[in-house]
Amino acid sequence: MSELTKLIGQSKKFTIGTIELEIKPRTLKDIELIVDMANDEKRGEAMKQLIRDTLKDAVPDATDEEIDSIGIMHFQALSEAIMDVNGLNETKSD
């Protein structure tokens, strides 16, 4: 393996609702979704797809119906976990 393996992100465990999920970082293949999140018109759909893809990676046997049925009350926790594991949290400058 090459030195590029040092650039592979590490997963983290988060408690969402009552379950613990191992959230894996997104990769270069997801860059279009990340870019779309900066576009006001595309942000909602991009975030929805990002959450869907992340949940599929965390729980491979989850069905689309199960994912679609997740309560909206978990949206913030899921979004924050995804941003955190990908190093996309906003940082305050002093």
PDB file of N, CA and C in Angstrom:
ATOM      1  N   MET A   1       0.843  -1.180   0.000  1.00  0.00           N
ATOM      2  CA  MET A   1       0.000   0.000   0.000  1.00  0.00           C
ATOM      3  C   MET A   1       0.890   1.246   0.000  1.00  0.00           C
ATOM      4  N   SER A   2       0.374   2.305  -0.546  1.00  0.00           N
ATOM      5  CA  SER A   2       1.148   3.538  -0.648  1.00  0.00           C
ATOM      6  C   SER A   2       0.952   4.425   0.573  1.00  0.00           C
ATOM      7  N   GLU A   3       1.650   5.534   0.569  1.00  0.00           N
ATOM      8  CA  GLU A   3       1.535   6.505   1.658  1.00  0.00           C
ATOM      9  C   GLU A   3       0.144   7.123   1.743  1.00  0.00           C
ATOM     10  N   LEU A   4      -0.623   7.031   0.674  1.00  0.00           N
ATOM     11  CA  LEU A   4      -1.966   7.603   0.665  1.00  0.00           C
ATOM     12  C   LEU A   4      -2.881   6.970   1.712  1.00  0.00           C
ATOM     13  N   THR A   5      -2.523   5.776   2.192  1.00  0.00           N
ATOM     14  CA  THR A   5      -3.351   5.151   3.226  1.00  0.00           C
ATOM     15  C   THR A   5      -3.377   6.001   4.496  1.00  0.00           C
ATOM     16  N   LYS A   6      -2.388   6.867   4.672  1.00  0.00           N
ATOM     17  CA  LYS A   6      -2.352   7.764   5.830  1.00  0.00           C
ATOM     18  C   LYS A   6      -3.428   8.848   5.729  1.00  0.00           C
ATOM     19  N   LEU A   7      -4.007   9.019   4.558  1.00  0.00           N
ATOM     20  CA  LEU A   7      -5.029  10.034   4.344  1.00  0.00           C
ATOM     21  C   LEU A   7      -6.452   9.485   4.470  1.00  0.00           C
ATOM     22  N   ILE A   8      -6.567   8.221   4.786  1.00  0.00           N
ATOM     23  CA  ILE A   8      -7.888   7.613   4.947  1.00  0.00           C
ATOM     24  C   ILE A   8      -8.423   7.999   6.319  1.00  0.00           C
ATOM     25  N   GLY A   9      -9.633   8.547   6.349  1.00  0.00           N
ATOM     26  CA  GLY A   9     -10.238   8.987   7.601  1.00  0.00           C
ATOM     27  C   GLY A   9     -10.585   7.828   8.522  1.00  0.00           C
ATOM     28  N   GLN A  10     -10.700   8.151   9.796  1.00  0.00           N
ATOM     29  CA  GLN A  10     -11.031   7.152  10.815  1.00  0.00           C
ATOM     30  C   GLN A  10     -12.498   7.289  11.223  1.00  0.00           C
ATOM     31  N   SER A  11     -13.140   6.164  11.426  1.00  0.00           N
ATOM     32  CA  SER A  11     -14.532   6.196  11.872  1.00  0.00           C
ATOM     33  C   SER A  11     -14.584   6.535  13.360  1.00  0.00           C
ATOM     34  N   LYS A  12     -15.769   6.973  13.793  1.00  0.00           N
ATOM     35  CA  LYS A  12     -16.014   7.291  15.200  1.00  0.00           C
ATOM     36  C   LYS A  12     -17.378   6.735  15.576  1.00  0.00           C
ATOM     37  N   LYS A  13     -17.537   6.435  16.863  1.00  0.00           N
ATOM     38  CA  LYS A  13     -18.821   5.939  17.360  1.00  0.00           C
ATOM     39  C   LYS A  13     -19.608   7.100  17.964  1.00  0.00           C
ATOM     40  N   PHE A  14     -20.888   7.136  17.634  1.00  0.00           N
ATOM     41  CA  PHE A  14     -21.801   8.162  18.116  1.00  0.00           C
ATOM     42  C   PHE A  14     -23.077   7.475  18.588  1.00  0.00           C
ATOM     43  N   THR A  15     -23.675   8.027  19.624  1.00  0.00           N
ATOM     44  CA  THR A  15     -24.974   7.544  20.059  1.00  0.00           C
ATOM     45  C   THR A  15     -26.028   8.446  19.438  1.00  0.00           C
ATOM     46  N   ILE A  16     -26.872   7.855  18.640  1.00  0.00           N
ATOM     47  CA  ILE A  16     -27.978   8.558  17.985  1.00  0.00           C
ATOM     48  C   ILE A  16     -29.256   7.934  18.534  1.00  0.00           C
ATOM     49  N   GLY A  17     -30.034   8.729  19.229  1.00  0.00           N
ATOM     50  CA  GLY A  17     -31.202   8.160  19.896  1.00  0.00           C
ATOM     51  C   GLY A  17     -30.727   7.181  20.943  1.00  0.00           C
ATOM     52  N   THR A  18     -31.127   5.937  20.804  1.00  0.00           N
ATOM     53  CA  THR A  18     -30.741   4.906  21.776  1.00  0.00           C
ATOM     54  C   THR A  18     -29.754   3.891  21.211  1.00  0.00           C
ATOM     55  N   ILE A  19     -29.244   4.131  20.014  1.00  0.00           N
ATOM     56  CA  ILE A  19     -28.306   3.161  19.434  1.00  0.00           C
ATOM     57  C   ILE A  19     -26.950   3.809  19.166  1.00  0.00           C
ATOM     58  N   GLU A  20     -25.927   2.979  19.214  1.00  0.00           N
ATOM     59  CA  GLU A  20     -24.581   3.448  18.907  1.00  0.00           C
ATOM     60  C   GLU A  20     -24.274   3.083  17.460  1.00  0.00           C
ATOM     61  N   LEU A  21     -23.849   4.084  16.706  1.00  0.00           N
ATOM     62  CA  LEU A  21     -23.488   3.871  15.305  1.00  0.00           C
ATOM     63  C   LEU A  21     -22.027   4.218  15.097  1.00  0.00           C
ATOM     64  N   GLU A  22     -21.354   3.406  14.321  1.00  0.00           N
ATOM     65  CA  GLU A  22     -19.988   3.733  13.929  1.00  0.00           C
ATOM     66  C   GLU A  22     -20.088   4.477  12.596  1.00  0.00           C
ATOM     67  N   ILE A  23     -19.848   5.776  12.673  1.00  0.00           N
ATOM     68  CA  ILE A  23     -19.954   6.628  11.495  1.00  0.00           C
ATOM     69  C   ILE A  23     -18.604   6.660  10.796  1.00  0.00           C
ATOM     70  N   LYS A  24     -18.632   6.295   9.534  1.00  0.00           N
ATOM     71  CA  LYS A  24     -17.406   6.273   8.733  1.00  0.00           C
ATOM     72  C   LYS A  24     -17.307   7.566   7.939  1.00  0.00           C
ATOM     73  N   PRO A  25     -16.085   8.078   7.792  1.00  0.00           N
ATOM     74  CA  PRO A  25     -15.944   9.314   7.016  1.00  0.00           C
ATOM     75  C   PRO A  25     -16.261   9.082   5.546  1.00  0.00           C
ATOM     76  N   ARG A  26     -16.746  10.117   4.915  1.00  0.00           N
ATOM     77  CA  ARG A  26     -17.020  10.052   3.484  1.00  0.00           C
ATOM     78  C   ARG A  26     -15.688  10.168   2.748  1.00  0.00           C
ATOM     79  N   THR A  27     -15.708   9.839   1.487  1.00  0.00           N
ATOM     80  CA  THR A  27     -14.472   9.818   0.695  1.00  0.00           C
ATOM     81  C   THR A  27     -14.603  10.742  -0.513  1.00  0.00           C
ATOM     82  N   LEU A  28     -13.561  10.759  -1.290  1.00  0.00           N
ATOM     83  CA  LEU A  28     -13.525  11.617  -2.470  1.00  0.00           C
ATOM     84  C   LEU A  28     -14.700  11.350  -3.411  1.00  0.00           C
ATOM     85  N   LYS A  29     -15.206  10.126  -3.396  1.00  0.00           N
ATOM     86  CA  LYS A  29     -16.357   9.813  -4.272  1.00  0.00           C
ATOM     87  C   LYS A  29     -17.604  10.609  -3.886  1.00  0.00           C
ATOM     88  N   ASP A  30     -17.611  11.167  -2.682  1.00  0.00           N
ATOM     89  CA  ASP A  30     -18.759  11.931  -2.190  1.00  0.00           C
ATOM     90  C   ASP A  30     -18.594  13.441  -2.341  1.00  0.00           C
ATOM     91  N   ILE A  31     -17.556  13.872  -3.006  1.00  0.00           N
ATOM     92  CA  ILE A  31     -17.238  15.302  -3.059  1.00  0.00           C
ATOM     93  C   ILE A  31     -18.383  16.121  -3.668  1.00  0.00           C
ATOM     94  N   GLU A  32     -19.092  15.567  -4.635  1.00  0.00           N
ATOM     95  CA  GLU A  32     -20.192  16.306  -5.251  1.00  0.00           C
ATOM     96  C   GLU A  32     -21.278  16.633  -4.218  1.00  0.00           C
ATOM     97  N   LEU A  33     -21.566  15.685  -3.334  1.00  0.00           N
ATOM     98  CA  LEU A  33     -22.552  15.946  -2.276  1.00  0.00           C
ATOM     99  C   LEU A  33     -22.070  17.051  -1.331  1.00  0.00           C
ATOM    100  N   ILE A  34     -20.793  17.023  -1.010  1.00  0.00           N
ATOM    101  CA  ILE A  34     -20.228  18.042  -0.112  1.00  0.00           C
ATOM    102  C   ILE A  34     -20.313  19.413  -0.772  1.00  0.00           C
ATOM    103  N   VAL A  35     -19.968  19.489  -2.035  1.00  0.00           N
ATOM    104  CA  VAL A  35     -20.041  20.754  -2.772  1.00  0.00           C
ATOM    105  C   VAL A  35     -21.485  21.223  -2.874  1.00  0.00           C
ATOM    106  N   ASP A  36     -22.412  20.301  -3.133  1.00  0.00           N
ATOM    107  CA  ASP A  36     -23.825  20.663  -3.238  1.00  0.00           C
ATOM    108  C   ASP A  36     -24.381  21.215  -1.935  1.00  0.00           C
ATOM    109  N   MET A  37     -23.789  20.859  -0.810  1.00  0.00           N
ATOM    110  CA  MET A  37     -24.274  21.377   0.467  1.00  0.00           C
ATOM    111  C   MET A  37     -24.031  22.885   0.596  1.00  0.00           C
ATOM    112  N   ALA A  38     -23.137  23.423  -0.195  1.00  0.00           N
ATOM    113  CA  ALA A  38     -22.892  24.866  -0.181  1.00  0.00           C
ATOM    114  C   ALA A  38     -23.878  25.608  -1.079  1.00  0.00           C
ATOM    115  N   ASN A  39     -24.653  24.877  -1.865  1.00  0.00           N
ATOM    116  CA  ASN A  39     -25.622  25.467  -2.782  1.00  0.00           C
ATOM    117  C   ASN A  39     -27.000  25.448  -2.124  1.00  0.00           C
ATOM    118  N   ASP A  40     -27.578  26.635  -1.933  1.00  0.00           N
ATOM    119  CA  ASP A  40     -28.871  26.738  -1.251  1.00  0.00           C
ATOM    120  C   ASP A  40     -29.949  25.860  -1.883  1.00  0.00           C
ATOM    121  N   GLU A  41     -29.964  25.761  -3.200  1.00  0.00           N
ATOM    122  CA  GLU A  41     -30.996  24.999  -3.889  1.00  0.00           C
ATOM    123  C   GLU A  41     -30.795  23.486  -3.782  1.00  0.00           C
ATOM    124  N   LYS A  42     -29.558  23.051  -3.598  1.00  0.00           N
ATOM    125  CA  LYS A  42     -29.252  21.619  -3.574  1.00  0.00           C
ATOM    126  C   LYS A  42     -28.981  21.079  -2.173  1.00  0.00           C
ATOM    127  N   ARG A  43     -28.862  21.959  -1.184  1.00  0.00           N
ATOM    128  CA  ARG A  43     -28.423  21.564   0.157  1.00  0.00           C
ATOM    129  C   ARG A  43     -29.304  20.471   0.781  1.00  0.00           C
ATOM    130  N   GLY A  44     -30.604  20.629   0.736  1.00  0.00           N
ATOM    131  CA  GLY A  44     -31.496  19.661   1.378  1.00  0.00           C
ATOM    132  C   GLY A  44     -31.343  18.262   0.806  1.00  0.00           C
ATOM    133  N   GLU A  45     -31.364  18.159  -0.500  1.00  0.00           N
ATOM    134  CA  GLU A  45     -31.239  16.849  -1.148  1.00  0.00           C
ATOM    135  C   GLU A  45     -29.849  16.259  -0.911  1.00  0.00           C
ATOM    136  N   ALA A  46     -28.813  17.113  -0.943  1.00  0.00           N
ATOM    137  CA  ALA A  46     -27.451  16.631  -0.713  1.00  0.00           C
ATOM    138  C   ALA A  46     -27.296  16.087   0.707  1.00  0.00           C
ATOM    139  N   MET A  47     -27.844  16.797   1.691  1.00  0.00           N
ATOM    140  CA  MET A  47     -27.737  16.343   3.080  1.00  0.00           C
ATOM    141  C   MET A  47     -28.504  15.051   3.283  1.00  0.00           C
ATOM    142  N   LYS A  48     -29.673  14.962   2.679  1.00  0.00           N
ATOM    143  CA  LYS A  48     -30.478  13.734   2.762  1.00  0.00           C
ATOM    144  C   LYS A  48     -29.693  12.548   2.194  1.00  0.00           C
ATOM    145  N   GLN A  49     -29.066  12.726   1.052  1.00  0.00           N
ATOM    146  CA  GLN A  49     -28.300  11.643   0.438  1.00  0.00           C
ATOM    147  C   GLN A  49     -27.056  11.307   1.263  1.00  0.00           C
ATOM    148  N   LEU A  50     -26.429  12.326   1.821  1.00  0.00           N
ATOM    149  CA  LEU A  50     -25.254  12.111   2.658  1.00  0.00           C
ATOM    150  C   LEU A  50     -25.620  11.294   3.904  1.00  0.00           C
ATOM    151  N   ILE A  51     -26.750  11.621   4.532  1.00  0.00           N
ATOM    152  CA  ILE A  51     -27.215  10.864   5.697  1.00  0.00           C
ATOM    153  C   ILE A  51     -27.557   9.434   5.282  1.00  0.00           C
ATOM    154  N   ARG A  52     -28.263   9.292   4.174  1.00  0.00           N
ATOM    155  CA  ARG A  52     -28.642   7.957   3.682  1.00  0.00           C
ATOM    156  C   ARG A  52     -27.391   7.096   3.431  1.00  0.00           C
ATOM    157  N   ASP A  53     -26.412   7.648   2.720  1.00  0.00           N
ATOM    158  CA  ASP A  53     -25.187   6.896   2.409  1.00  0.00           C
ATOM    159  C   ASP A  53     -24.416   6.543   3.676  1.00  0.00           C
ATOM    160  N   THR A  54     -24.357   7.486   4.611  1.00  0.00           N
ATOM    161  CA  THR A  54     -23.641   7.260   5.864  1.00  0.00           C
ATOM    162  C   THR A  54     -24.315   6.162   6.680  1.00  0.00           C
ATOM    163  N   LEU A  55     -25.646   6.196   6.746  1.00  0.00           N
ATOM    164  CA  LEU A  55     -26.370   5.163   7.487  1.00  0.00           C
ATOM    165  C   LEU A  55     -26.214   3.793   6.830  1.00  0.00           C
ATOM    166  N   LYS A  56     -26.211   3.744   5.516  1.00  0.00           N
ATOM    167  CA  LYS A  56     -26.018   2.473   4.807  1.00  0.00           C
ATOM    168  C   LYS A  56     -24.642   1.898   5.113  1.00  0.00           C
ATOM    169  N   ASP A  57     -23.622   2.768   5.232  1.00  0.00           N
ATOM    170  CA  ASP A  57     -22.277   2.298   5.586  1.00  0.00           C
ATOM    171  C   ASP A  57     -22.229   1.831   7.039  1.00  0.00           C
ATOM    172  N   ALA A  58     -22.950   2.523   7.922  1.00  0.00           N
ATOM    173  CA  ALA A  58     -22.932   2.192   9.348  1.00  0.00           C
ATOM    174  C   ALA A  58     -23.736   0.929   9.650  1.00  0.00           C
ATOM    175  N   VAL A  59     -24.822   0.732   8.908  1.00  0.00           N
ATOM    176  CA  VAL A  59     -25.710  -0.416   9.131  1.00  0.00           C
ATOM    177  C   VAL A  59     -26.017  -1.024   7.760  1.00  0.00           C
ATOM    178  N   PRO A  60     -25.091  -1.825   7.228  1.00  0.00           N
ATOM    179  CA  PRO A  60     -25.248  -2.343   5.868  1.00  0.00           C
ATOM    180  C   PRO A  60     -26.528  -3.127   5.606  1.00  0.00           C
ATOM    181  N   ASP A  61     -27.088  -3.754   6.632  1.00  0.00           N
ATOM    182  CA  ASP A  61     -28.307  -4.533   6.411  1.00  0.00           C
ATOM    183  C   ASP A  61     -29.581  -3.700   6.588  1.00  0.00           C
ATOM    184  N   ALA A  62     -29.446  -2.402   6.826  1.00  0.00           N
ATOM    185  CA  ALA A  62     -30.627  -1.532   6.947  1.00  0.00           C
ATOM    186  C   ALA A  62     -31.311  -1.428   5.584  1.00  0.00           C
ATOM    187  N   THR A  63     -32.620  -1.473   5.613  1.00  0.00           N
ATOM    188  CA  THR A  63     -33.371  -1.348   4.362  1.00  0.00           C
ATOM    189  C   THR A  63     -33.637   0.135   4.076  1.00  0.00           C
ATOM    190  N   ASP A  64     -33.943   0.428   2.826  1.00  0.00           N
ATOM    191  CA  ASP A  64     -34.296   1.800   2.461  1.00  0.00           C
ATOM    192  C   ASP A  64     -35.524   2.251   3.249  1.00  0.00           C
ATOM    193  N   GLU A  65     -36.469   1.341   3.454  1.00  0.00           N
ATOM    194  CA  GLU A  65     -37.678   1.674   4.206  1.00  0.00           C
ATOM    195  C   GLU A  65     -37.336   2.058   5.650  1.00  0.00           C
ATOM    196  N   GLU A  66     -36.416   1.317   6.267  1.00  0.00           N
ATOM    197  CA  GLU A  66     -36.003   1.650   7.637  1.00  0.00           C
ATOM    198  C   GLU A  66     -35.353   3.030   7.685  1.00  0.00           C
ATOM    199  N   ILE A  67     -34.478   3.275   6.745  1.00  0.00           N
ATOM    200  CA  ILE A  67     -33.793   4.570   6.707  1.00  0.00           C
ATOM    201  C   ILE A  67     -34.796   5.692   6.493  1.00  0.00           C
ATOM    202  N   ASP A  68     -35.736   5.501   5.575  1.00  0.00           N
ATOM    203  CA  ASP A  68     -36.753   6.520   5.313  1.00  0.00           C
ATOM    204  C   ASP A  68     -37.661   6.763   6.522  1.00  0.00           C
ATOM    205  N   SER A  69     -37.753   5.787   7.418  1.00  0.00           N
ATOM    206  CA  SER A  69     -38.647   5.890   8.578  1.00  0.00           C
ATOM    207  C   SER A  69     -37.984   6.509   9.803  1.00  0.00           C
ATOM    208  N   ILE A  70     -36.696   6.811   9.728  1.00  0.00           N
ATOM    209  CA  ILE A  70     -36.008   7.408  10.890  1.00  0.00           C
ATOM    210  C   ILE A  70     -36.621   8.764  11.186  1.00  0.00           C
ATOM    211  N   GLY A  71     -36.908   8.990  12.455  1.00  0.00           N
ATOM    212  CA  GLY A  71     -37.553  10.232  12.881  1.00  0.00           C
ATOM    213  C   GLY A  71     -36.697  11.458  12.617  1.00  0.00           C
ATOM    214  N   ILE A  72     -37.352  12.533  12.203  1.00  0.00           N
ATOM    215  CA  ILE A  72     -36.669  13.789  11.902  1.00  0.00           C
ATOM    216  C   ILE A  72     -35.975  14.351  13.147  1.00  0.00           C
ATOM    217  N   MET A  73     -36.420  13.907  14.348  1.00  0.00           N
ATOM    218  CA  MET A  73     -35.808  14.389  15.579  1.00  0.00           C
ATOM    219  C   MET A  73     -34.345  13.970  15.694  1.00  0.00           C
ATOM    220  N   HIS A  74     -33.915  13.021  14.863  1.00  0.00           N
ATOM    221  CA  HIS A  74     -32.520  12.564  14.884  1.00  0.00           C
ATOM    222  C   HIS A  74     -31.661  13.260  13.830  1.00  0.00           C
ATOM    223  N   PHE A  75     -32.276  14.132  13.042  1.00  0.00           N
ATOM    224  CA  PHE A  75     -31.559  14.800  11.952  1.00  0.00           C
ATOM    225  C   PHE A  75     -30.349  15.587  12.450  1.00  0.00           C
ATOM    226  N   GLN A  76     -30.535  16.375  13.492  1.00  0.00           N
ATOM    227  CA  GLN A  76     -29.433  17.209  13.978  1.00  0.00           C
ATOM    228  C   GLN A  76     -28.273  16.350  14.480  1.00  0.00           C
ATOM    229  N   ALA A  77     -28.574  15.332  15.266  1.00  0.00           N
ATOM    230  CA  ALA A  77     -27.516  14.469  15.793  1.00  0.00           C
ATOM    231  C   ALA A  77     -26.773  13.751  14.663  1.00  0.00           C
ATOM    232  N   LEU A  78     -27.517  13.263  13.675  1.00  0.00           N
ATOM    233  CA  LEU A  78     -26.886  12.603  12.531  1.00  0.00           C
ATOM    234  C   LEU A  78     -26.020  13.578  11.744  1.00  0.00           C
ATOM    235  N   SER A  79     -26.552  14.766  11.492  1.00  0.00           N
ATOM    236  CA  SER A  79     -25.808  15.783  10.737  1.00  0.00           C
ATOM    237  C   SER A  79     -24.527  16.163  11.453  1.00  0.00           C
ATOM    238  N   GLU A  80     -24.635  16.378  12.766  1.00  0.00           N
ATOM    239  CA  GLU A  80     -23.455  16.770  13.540  1.00  0.00           C
ATOM    240  C   GLU A  80     -22.411  15.663  13.572  1.00  0.00           C
ATOM    241  N   ALA A  81     -22.845  14.412  13.688  1.00  0.00           N
ATOM    242  CA  ALA A  81     -21.918  13.279  13.686  1.00  0.00           C
ATOM    243  C   ALA A  81     -21.187  13.179  12.349  1.00  0.00           C
ATOM    244  N   ILE A  82     -21.920  13.350  11.267  1.00  0.00           N
ATOM    245  CA  ILE A  82     -21.314  13.283   9.931  1.00  0.00           C
ATOM    246  C   ILE A  82     -20.305  14.414   9.750  1.00  0.00           C
ATOM    247  N   MET A  83     -20.670  15.614  10.160  1.00  0.00           N
ATOM    248  CA  MET A  83     -19.755  16.752  10.036  1.00  0.00           C
ATOM    249  C   MET A  83     -18.505  16.531  10.896  1.00  0.00           C
ATOM    250  N   ASP A  84     -18.709  16.019  12.110  1.00  0.00           N
ATOM    251  CA  ASP A  84     -17.586  15.793  13.022  1.00  0.00           C
ATOM    252  C   ASP A  84     -16.602  14.770  12.468  1.00  0.00           C
ATOM    253  N   VAL A  85     -17.100  13.622  12.055  1.00  0.00           N
ATOM    254  CA  VAL A  85     -16.210  12.556  11.587  1.00  0.00           C
ATOM    255  C   VAL A  85     -15.473  12.954  10.299  1.00  0.00           C
ATOM    256  N   ASN A  86     -16.032  13.913   9.570  1.00  0.00           N
ATOM    257  CA  ASN A  86     -15.396  14.370   8.336  1.00  0.00           C
ATOM    258  C   ASN A  86     -14.591  15.658   8.506  1.00  0.00           C
ATOM    259  N   GLY A  87     -14.482  16.123   9.754  1.00  0.00           N
ATOM    260  CA  GLY A  87     -13.689  17.329  10.025  1.00  0.00           C
ATOM    261  C   GLY A  87     -14.301  18.575   9.432  1.00  0.00           C
ATOM    262  N   LEU A  88     -15.619  18.609   9.309  1.00  0.00           N
ATOM    263  CA  LEU A  88     -16.293  19.748   8.689  1.00  0.00           C
ATOM    264  C   LEU A  88     -17.005  20.638   9.701  1.00  0.00           C
ATOM    265  N   ASN A  89     -16.689  20.448  10.992  1.00  0.00           N
ATOM    266  CA  ASN A  89     -17.306  21.301  12.003  1.00  0.00           C
ATOM    267  C   ASN A  89     -16.790  22.713  11.885  1.00  0.00           C
ATOM    268  N   GLU A  90     -17.663  23.663  12.166  1.00  0.00           N
ATOM    269  CA  GLU A  90     -17.243  25.044  12.183  1.00  0.00           C
ATOM    270  C   GLU A  90     -16.394  25.277  13.411  1.00  0.00           C
ATOM    271  N   THR A  91     -15.280  25.965  13.233  1.00  0.00           N
ATOM    272  CA  THR A  91     -14.431  26.280  14.364  1.00  0.00           C
ATOM    273  C   THR A  91     -14.478  27.769  14.611  1.00  0.00           C
ATOM    274  N   LYS A  92     -14.489  28.124  15.880  1.00  0.00           N
ATOM    275  CA  LYS A  92     -14.519  29.540  16.250  1.00  0.00           C
ATOM    276  C   LYS A  92     -13.098  30.068  16.281  1.00  0.00           C
ATOM    277  N   SER A  93     -12.922  31.233  15.685  1.00  0.00           N
ATOM    278  CA  SER A  93     -11.589  31.834  15.728  1.00  0.00           C
ATOM    279  C   SER A  93     -11.543  32.844  16.863  1.00  0.00           C
ATOM    280  N   ASP A  94     -10.421  32.871  17.552  1.00  0.00           N
ATOM    281  CA  ASP A  94     -10.277  33.792  18.689  1.00  0.00           C
ATOM    282  C   ASP A  94      -9.717  35.113  18.244  1.00  0.00           C
TER     283      ASP A  94
END
